[in-house]
């Protein structure tokens, strides 16, 4: 798994924790199973883009493509 993918997952995990959601609650909100969320958060497999989009949406977030030279400064 790439560092970029792992960083996205870390941000989604942090967002879930910030919202006080369990994996089961997130799974229900994203129309996924709790085991899919557990595998995603354990980083044992590279997730499909659709899975990341659904999880992000369930957390009130969106995945966006920004120019590489903008990096982490995007949105500040």
PDB file of N, CA and C in Angstrom:
ATOM      1  N   UNK A   1       0.847  -1.175   0.000  1.00  0.00           N
ATOM      2  CA  UNK A   1       0.000   0.000   0.000  1.00  0.00           C
ATOM      3  C   UNK A   1       0.893   1.239   0.000  1.00  0.00           C
ATOM      4  N   UNK A   2       0.540   2.205  -0.824  1.00  0.00           N
ATOM      5  CA  UNK A   2       1.337   3.428  -0.918  1.00  0.00           C
ATOM      6  C   UNK A   2       1.178   4.285   0.338  1.00  0.00           C
ATOM      7  N   UNK A   3       2.148   5.145   0.556  1.00  0.00           N
ATOM      8  CA  UNK A   3       2.077   6.074   1.689  1.00  0.00           C
ATOM      9  C   UNK A   3       0.875   6.995   1.563  1.00  0.00           C
ATOM     10  N   UNK A   4       0.551   7.383   0.333  1.00  0.00           N
ATOM     11  CA  UNK A   4      -0.582   8.281   0.110  1.00  0.00           C
ATOM     12  C   UNK A   4      -1.898   7.606   0.490  1.00  0.00           C
ATOM     13  N   UNK A   5      -2.049   6.359   0.115  1.00  0.00           N
ATOM     14  CA  UNK A   5      -3.266   5.623   0.453  1.00  0.00           C
ATOM     15  C   UNK A   5      -3.368   5.443   1.967  1.00  0.00           C
ATOM     16  N   UNK A   6      -2.256   5.094   2.599  1.00  0.00           N
ATOM     17  CA  UNK A   6      -2.243   4.937   4.053  1.00  0.00           C
ATOM     18  C   UNK A   6      -2.594   6.252   4.748  1.00  0.00           C
ATOM     19  N   UNK A   7      -2.123   7.371   4.208  1.00  0.00           N
ATOM     20  CA  UNK A   7      -2.426   8.681   4.797  1.00  0.00           C
ATOM     21  C   UNK A   7      -3.913   9.006   4.683  1.00  0.00           C
ATOM     22  N   UNK A   8      -4.527   8.657   3.562  1.00  0.00           N
ATOM     23  CA  UNK A   8      -5.971   8.871   3.398  1.00  0.00           C
ATOM     24  C   UNK A   8      -6.734   8.050   4.432  1.00  0.00           C
ATOM     25  N   UNK A   9      -6.340   6.799   4.592  1.00  0.00           N
ATOM     26  CA  UNK A   9      -7.007   5.937   5.566  1.00  0.00           C
ATOM     27  C   UNK A   9      -6.832   6.493   6.972  1.00  0.00           C
ATOM     28  N   UNK A  10      -5.626   6.962   7.302  1.00  0.00           N
ATOM     29  CA  UNK A  10      -5.393   7.552   8.624  1.00  0.00           C
ATOM     30  C   UNK A  10      -6.317   8.738   8.873  1.00  0.00           C
ATOM     31  N   UNK A  11      -6.522   9.561   7.855  1.00  0.00           N
ATOM     32  CA  UNK A  11      -7.419  10.716   7.999  1.00  0.00           C
ATOM     33  C   UNK A  11      -8.864  10.273   8.189  1.00  0.00           C
ATOM     34  N   UNK A  12      -9.272   9.229   7.476  1.00  0.00           N
ATOM     35  CA  UNK A  12     -10.632   8.716   7.641  1.00  0.00           C
ATOM     36  C   UNK A  12     -10.828   8.126   9.036  1.00  0.00           C
ATOM     37  N   UNK A  13      -9.822   7.420   9.538  1.00  0.00           N
ATOM     38  CA  UNK A  13      -9.897   6.871  10.899  1.00  0.00           C
ATOM     39  C   UNK A  13     -10.021   8.008  11.909  1.00  0.00           C
ATOM     40  N   UNK A  14      -9.200   9.036  11.750  1.00  0.00           N
ATOM     41  CA  UNK A  14      -9.248  10.179  12.668  1.00  0.00           C
ATOM     42  C   UNK A  14     -10.618  10.846  12.628  1.00  0.00           C
ATOM     43  N   UNK A  15     -11.175  10.987  11.439  1.00  0.00           N
ATOM     44  CA  UNK A  15     -12.502  11.606  11.293  1.00  0.00           C
ATOM     45  C   UNK A  15     -13.564  10.755  11.988  1.00  0.00           C
ATOM     46  N   UNK A  16     -13.465   9.430  11.831  1.00  0.00           N
ATOM     47  CA  UNK A  16     -14.426   8.540  12.514  1.00  0.00           C
ATOM     48  C   UNK A  16     -14.330   8.711  14.018  1.00  0.00           C
ATOM     49  N   UNK A  17     -13.117   8.737  14.533  1.00  0.00           N
ATOM     50  CA  UNK A  17     -12.925   8.927  15.972  1.00  0.00           C
ATOM     51  C   UNK A  17     -13.448  10.284  16.423  1.00  0.00           C
ATOM     52  N   UNK A  18     -13.157  11.331  15.653  1.00  0.00           N
ATOM     53  CA  UNK A  18     -13.635  12.682  15.989  1.00  0.00           C
ATOM     54  C   UNK A  18     -15.158  12.723  16.088  1.00  0.00           C
ATOM     55  N   UNK A  19     -15.816  11.938  15.254  1.00  0.00           N
ATOM     56  CA  UNK A  19     -17.278  11.915  15.250  1.00  0.00           C
ATOM     57  C   UNK A  19     -17.853  10.912  16.251  1.00  0.00           C
ATOM     58  N   UNK A  20     -16.973  10.200  16.935  1.00  0.00           N
ATOM     59  CA  UNK A  20     -17.423   9.239  17.942  1.00  0.00           C
ATOM     60  C   UNK A  20     -18.174   8.050  17.362  1.00  0.00           C
ATOM     61  N   UNK A  21     -17.845   7.697  16.132  1.00  0.00           N
ATOM     62  CA  UNK A  21     -18.521   6.579  15.466  1.00  0.00           C
ATOM     63  C   UNK A  21     -17.756   5.282  15.679  1.00  0.00           C
ATOM     64  N   UNK A  22     -18.496   4.201  15.796  1.00  0.00           N
ATOM     65  CA  UNK A  22     -17.879   2.881  15.806  1.00  0.00           C
ATOM     66  C   UNK A  22     -17.702   2.416  14.363  1.00  0.00           C
ATOM     67  N   UNK A  23     -16.920   1.372  14.195  1.00  0.00           N
ATOM     68  CA  UNK A  23     -16.776   0.798  12.855  1.00  0.00           C
ATOM     69  C   UNK A  23     -18.127   0.316  12.336  1.00  0.00           C
ATOM     70  N   UNK A  24     -18.924  -0.259  13.213  1.00  0.00           N
ATOM     71  CA  UNK A  24     -20.239  -0.762  12.806  1.00  0.00           C
ATOM     72  C   UNK A  24     -21.137   0.383  12.342  1.00  0.00           C
ATOM     73  N   UNK A  25     -21.136   1.492  13.073  1.00  0.00           N
ATOM     74  CA  UNK A  25     -21.955   2.649  12.686  1.00  0.00           C
ATOM     75  C   UNK A  25     -21.502   3.216  11.346  1.00  0.00           C
ATOM     76  N   UNK A  26     -20.189   3.299  11.161  1.00  0.00           N
ATOM     77  CA  UNK A  26     -19.663   3.796   9.892  1.00  0.00           C
ATOM     78  C   UNK A  26     -20.042   2.857   8.754  1.00  0.00           C
ATOM     79  N   UNK A  27     -19.915   1.574   8.998  1.00  0.00           N
ATOM     80  CA  UNK A  27     -20.273   0.592   7.973  1.00  0.00           C
ATOM     81  C   UNK A  27     -21.728   0.747   7.555  1.00  0.00           C
ATOM     82  N   UNK A  28     -22.605   0.901   8.519  1.00  0.00           N
ATOM     83  CA  UNK A  28     -24.028   1.076   8.202  1.00  0.00           C
ATOM     84  C   UNK A  28     -24.251   2.349   7.400  1.00  0.00           C
ATOM     85  N   UNK A  29     -23.599   3.443   7.793  1.00  0.00           N
ATOM     86  CA  UNK A  29     -23.767   4.720   7.099  1.00  0.00           C
ATOM     87  C   UNK A  29     -23.235   4.660   5.669  1.00  0.00           C
ATOM     88  N   UNK A  30     -22.213   3.833   5.445  1.00  0.00           N
ATOM     89  CA  UNK A  30     -21.593   3.722   4.122  1.00  0.00           C
ATOM     90  C   UNK A  30     -22.150   2.550   3.309  1.00  0.00           C
ATOM     91  N   UNK A  31     -23.128   1.847   3.870  1.00  0.00           N
ATOM     92  CA  UNK A  31     -23.701   0.652   3.225  1.00  0.00           C
ATOM     93  C   UNK A  31     -22.627  -0.393   2.924  1.00  0.00           C
ATOM     94  N   UNK A  32     -21.769  -0.606   3.913  1.00  0.00           N
ATOM     95  CA  UNK A  32     -20.717  -1.616   3.841  1.00  0.00           C
ATOM     96  C   UNK A  32     -20.841  -2.511   5.062  1.00  0.00           C
ATOM     97  N   UNK A  33     -20.024  -3.544   5.139  1.00  0.00           N
ATOM     98  CA  UNK A  33     -20.007  -4.381   6.336  1.00  0.00           C
ATOM     99  C   UNK A  33     -18.932  -3.882   7.291  1.00  0.00           C
ATOM    100  N   UNK A  34     -19.080  -4.238   8.550  1.00  0.00           N
ATOM    101  CA  UNK A  34     -18.088  -3.852   9.549  1.00  0.00           C
ATOM    102  C   UNK A  34     -16.743  -4.484   9.226  1.00  0.00           C
ATOM    103  N   UNK A  35     -16.753  -5.672   8.650  1.00  0.00           N
ATOM    104  CA  UNK A  35     -15.487  -6.326   8.305  1.00  0.00           C
ATOM    105  C   UNK A  35     -14.749  -5.564   7.204  1.00  0.00           C
ATOM    106  N   UNK A  36     -15.471  -4.932   6.285  1.00  0.00           N
ATOM    107  CA  UNK A  36     -14.825  -4.106   5.252  1.00  0.00           C
ATOM    108  C   UNK A  36     -14.140  -2.913   5.912  1.00  0.00           C
ATOM    109  N   UNK A  37     -14.813  -2.286   6.865  1.00  0.00           N
ATOM    110  CA  UNK A  37     -14.222  -1.141   7.570  1.00  0.00           C
ATOM    111  C   UNK A  37     -12.999  -1.595   8.362  1.00  0.00           C
ATOM    112  N   UNK A  38     -13.091  -2.734   9.024  1.00  0.00           N
ATOM    113  CA  UNK A  38     -11.959  -3.251   9.797  1.00  0.00           C
ATOM    114  C   UNK A  38     -10.762  -3.529   8.896  1.00  0.00           C
ATOM    115  N   UNK A  39     -10.990  -4.154   7.741  1.00  0.00           N
ATOM    116  CA  UNK A  39      -9.887  -4.423   6.805  1.00  0.00           C
ATOM    117  C   UNK A  39      -9.300  -3.122   6.280  1.00  0.00           C
ATOM    118  N   UNK A  40     -10.164  -2.160   5.973  1.00  0.00           N
ATOM    119  CA  UNK A  40      -9.697  -0.855   5.504  1.00  0.00           C
ATOM    120  C   UNK A  40      -8.791  -0.214   6.548  1.00  0.00           C
ATOM    121  N   UNK A  41      -9.269  -0.160   7.788  1.00  0.00           N
ATOM    122  CA  UNK A  41      -8.515   0.514   8.845  1.00  0.00           C
ATOM    123  C   UNK A  41      -7.240  -0.232   9.233  1.00  0.00           C
ATOM    124  N   UNK A  42      -7.197  -1.535   9.018  1.00  0.00           N
ATOM    125  CA  UNK A  42      -5.981  -2.300   9.332  1.00  0.00           C
ATOM    126  C   UNK A  42      -4.943  -2.191   8.225  1.00  0.00           C
ATOM    127  N   UNK A  43      -5.372  -1.639   7.083  1.00  0.00           N
ATOM    128  CA  UNK A  43      -4.495  -1.443   5.921  1.00  0.00           C
ATOM    129  C   UNK A  43      -3.930  -2.769   5.399  1.00  0.00           C
ATOM    130  N   UNK A  44      -4.696  -3.842   5.547  1.00  0.00           N
ATOM    131  CA  UNK A  44      -4.239  -5.153   5.081  1.00  0.00           C
ATOM    132  C   UNK A  44      -4.452  -5.357   3.590  1.00  0.00           C
ATOM    133  N   UNK A  45      -5.279  -4.520   2.995  1.00  0.00           N
ATOM    134  CA  UNK A  45      -5.535  -4.621   1.557  1.00  0.00           C
ATOM    135  C   UNK A  45      -5.728  -3.219   1.004  1.00  0.00           C
ATOM    136  N   UNK A  46      -5.382  -3.040  -0.242  1.00  0.00           N
ATOM    137  CA  UNK A  46      -5.589  -1.746  -0.896  1.00  0.00           C
ATOM    138  C   UNK A  46      -7.082  -1.621  -1.205  1.00  0.00           C
ATOM    139  N   UNK A  47      -7.727  -0.584  -0.675  1.00  0.00           N
ATOM    140  CA  UNK A  47      -9.168  -0.453  -0.892  1.00  0.00           C
ATOM    141  C   UNK A  47      -9.505   0.000  -2.306  1.00  0.00           C
ATOM    142  N   UNK A  48     -10.690  -0.355  -2.746  1.00  0.00           N
ATOM    143  CA  UNK A  48     -11.181   0.146  -4.020  1.00  0.00           C
ATOM    144  C   UNK A  48     -11.559   1.617  -3.842  1.00  0.00           C
ATOM    145  N   UNK A  49     -11.439   2.376  -4.911  1.00  0.00           N
ATOM    146  CA  UNK A  49     -11.781   3.795  -4.864  1.00  0.00           C
ATOM    147  C   UNK A  49     -13.219   3.992  -4.401  1.00  0.00           C
ATOM    148  N   UNK A  50     -14.132   3.170  -4.886  1.00  0.00           N
ATOM    149  CA  UNK A  50     -15.537   3.277  -4.494  1.00  0.00           C
ATOM    150  C   UNK A  50     -15.708   3.138  -2.985  1.00  0.00           C
ATOM    151  N   UNK A  51     -14.950   2.249  -2.372  1.00  0.00           N
ATOM    152  CA  UNK A  51     -15.027   2.069  -0.919  1.00  0.00           C
ATOM    153  C   UNK A  51     -14.576   3.329  -0.202  1.00  0.00           C
ATOM    154  N   UNK A  52     -13.460   3.908  -0.634  1.00  0.00           N
ATOM    155  CA  UNK A  52     -12.975   5.141  -0.012  1.00  0.00           C
ATOM    156  C   UNK A  52     -13.978   6.276  -0.167  1.00  0.00           C
ATOM    157  N   UNK A  53     -14.580   6.386  -1.344  1.00  0.00           N
ATOM    158  CA  UNK A  53     -15.566   7.443  -1.595  1.00  0.00           C
ATOM    159  C   UNK A  53     -16.773   7.263  -0.684  1.00  0.00           C
ATOM    160  N   UNK A  54     -17.250   6.039  -0.548  1.00  0.00           N
ATOM    161  CA  UNK A  54     -18.419   5.773   0.296  1.00  0.00           C
ATOM    162  C   UNK A  54     -18.125   6.045   1.766  1.00  0.00           C
ATOM    163  N   UNK A  55     -16.953   5.650   2.229  1.00  0.00           N
ATOM    164  CA  UNK A  55     -16.576   5.893   3.621  1.00  0.00           C
ATOM    165  C   UNK A  55     -16.426   7.393   3.870  1.00  0.00           C
ATOM    166  N   UNK A  56     -15.747   8.075   2.972  1.00  0.00           N
ATOM    167  CA  UNK A  56     -15.578   9.524   3.120  1.00  0.00           C
ATOM    168  C   UNK A  56     -16.932  10.224   3.159  1.00  0.00           C
ATOM    169  N   UNK A  57     -17.824   9.860   2.260  1.00  0.00           N
ATOM    170  CA  UNK A  57     -19.151  10.485   2.223  1.00  0.00           C
ATOM    171  C   UNK A  57     -19.918  10.226   3.516  1.00  0.00           C
ATOM    172  N   UNK A  58     -19.814   9.021   4.047  1.00  0.00           N
ATOM    173  CA  UNK A  58     -20.495   8.689   5.299  1.00  0.00           C
ATOM    174  C   UNK A  58     -19.946   9.496   6.469  1.00  0.00           C
ATOM    175  N   UNK A  59     -18.710   9.964   6.330  1.00  0.00           N
ATOM    176  CA  UNK A  59     -18.077  10.788   7.364  1.00  0.00           C
ATOM    177  C   UNK A  59     -18.227  12.280   7.082  1.00  0.00           C
ATOM    178  N   UNK A  60     -18.980  12.609   6.045  1.00  0.00           N
ATOM    179  CA  UNK A  60     -19.188  14.015   5.703  1.00  0.00           C
ATOM    180  C   UNK A  60     -18.001  14.643   5.010  1.00  0.00           C
ATOM    181  N   UNK A  61     -17.201  13.822   4.349  1.00  0.00           N
ATOM    182  CA  UNK A  61     -16.003  14.294   3.650  1.00  0.00           C
ATOM    183  C   UNK A  61     -16.120  13.969   2.163  1.00  0.00           C
ATOM    184  N   UNK A  62     -15.196  14.518   1.405  1.00  0.00           N
ATOM    185  CA  UNK A  62     -15.108  14.208  -0.017  1.00  0.00           C
ATOM    186  C   UNK A  62     -13.650  13.977  -0.369  1.00  0.00           C
ATOM    187  N   UNK A  63     -13.418  13.064  -1.284  1.00  0.00           N
ATOM    188  CA  UNK A  63     -12.072  12.875  -1.815  1.00  0.00           C
ATOM    189  C   UNK A  63     -11.920  13.827  -2.989  1.00  0.00           C
ATOM    190  N   UNK A  64     -10.822  14.547  -3.021  1.00  0.00           N
ATOM    191  CA  UNK A  64     -10.595  15.516  -4.086  1.00  0.00           C
ATOM    192  C   UNK A  64      -9.235  15.302  -4.712  1.00  0.00           C
ATOM    193  N   UNK A  65      -9.116  15.685  -5.956  1.00  0.00           N
ATOM    194  CA  UNK A  65      -7.830  15.656  -6.646  1.00  0.00           C
ATOM    195  C   UNK A  65      -7.331  17.088  -6.713  1.00  0.00           C
ATOM    196  N   UNK A  66      -6.120  17.290  -6.206  1.00  0.00           N
ATOM    197  CA  UNK A  66      -5.509  18.623  -6.225  1.00  0.00           C
ATOM    198  C   UNK A  66      -4.134  18.513  -6.869  1.00  0.00           C
ATOM    199  N   UNK A  67      -3.627  19.594  -7.414  1.00  0.00           N
ATOM    200  CA  UNK A  67      -2.291  19.555  -8.002  1.00  0.00           C
ATOM    201  C   UNK A  67      -1.248  19.116  -6.968  1.00  0.00           C
ATOM    202  N   UNK A  68      -0.288  18.331  -7.414  1.00  0.00           N
ATOM    203  CA  UNK A  68       0.734  17.805  -6.509  1.00  0.00           C
ATOM    204  C   UNK A  68       1.516  18.902  -5.812  1.00  0.00           C
ATOM    205  N   UNK A  69       1.729  20.037  -6.481  1.00  0.00           N
ATOM    206  CA  UNK A  69       2.518  21.095  -5.859  1.00  0.00           C
ATOM    207  C   UNK A  69       1.746  21.831  -4.774  1.00  0.00           C
ATOM    208  N   UNK A  70       0.446  21.582  -4.652  1.00  0.00           N
ATOM    209  CA  UNK A  70      -0.339  22.194  -3.584  1.00  0.00           C
ATOM    210  C   UNK A  70      -0.122  21.420  -2.293  1.00  0.00           C
ATOM    211  N   UNK A  71      -0.030  20.098  -2.395  1.00  0.00           N
ATOM    212  CA  UNK A  71       0.273  19.242  -1.262  1.00  0.00           C
ATOM    213  C   UNK A  71      -0.663  19.434  -0.089  1.00  0.00           C
ATOM    214  N   UNK A  72      -0.106  19.360   1.111  1.00  0.00           N
ATOM    215  CA  UNK A  72      -0.892  19.443   2.330  1.00  0.00           C
ATOM    216  C   UNK A  72      -1.338  20.855   2.663  1.00  0.00           C
ATOM    217  N   UNK A  73      -0.862  21.829   1.924  1.00  0.00           N
ATOM    218  CA  UNK A  73      -1.264  23.206   2.182  1.00  0.00           C
ATOM    219  C   UNK A  73      -2.653  23.501   1.631  1.00  0.00           C
ATOM    220  N   UNK A  74      -3.212  22.581   0.849  1.00  0.00           N
ATOM    221  CA  UNK A  74      -4.524  22.776   0.242  1.00  0.00           C
ATOM    222  C   UNK A  74      -5.566  23.019   1.325  1.00  0.00           C
ATOM    223  N   UNK A  75      -6.346  24.045   1.124  1.00  0.00           N
ATOM    224  CA  UNK A  75      -7.441  24.325   2.040  1.00  0.00           C
ATOM    225  C   UNK A  75      -7.080  25.178   3.229  1.00  0.00           C
ATOM    226  N   UNK A  76      -5.826  25.575   3.353  1.00  0.00           N
ATOM    227  CA  UNK A  76      -5.437  26.410   4.501  1.00  0.00           C
ATOM    228  C   UNK A  76      -5.620  27.864   4.188  1.00  0.00           C
TER     229      UNK A  76
END
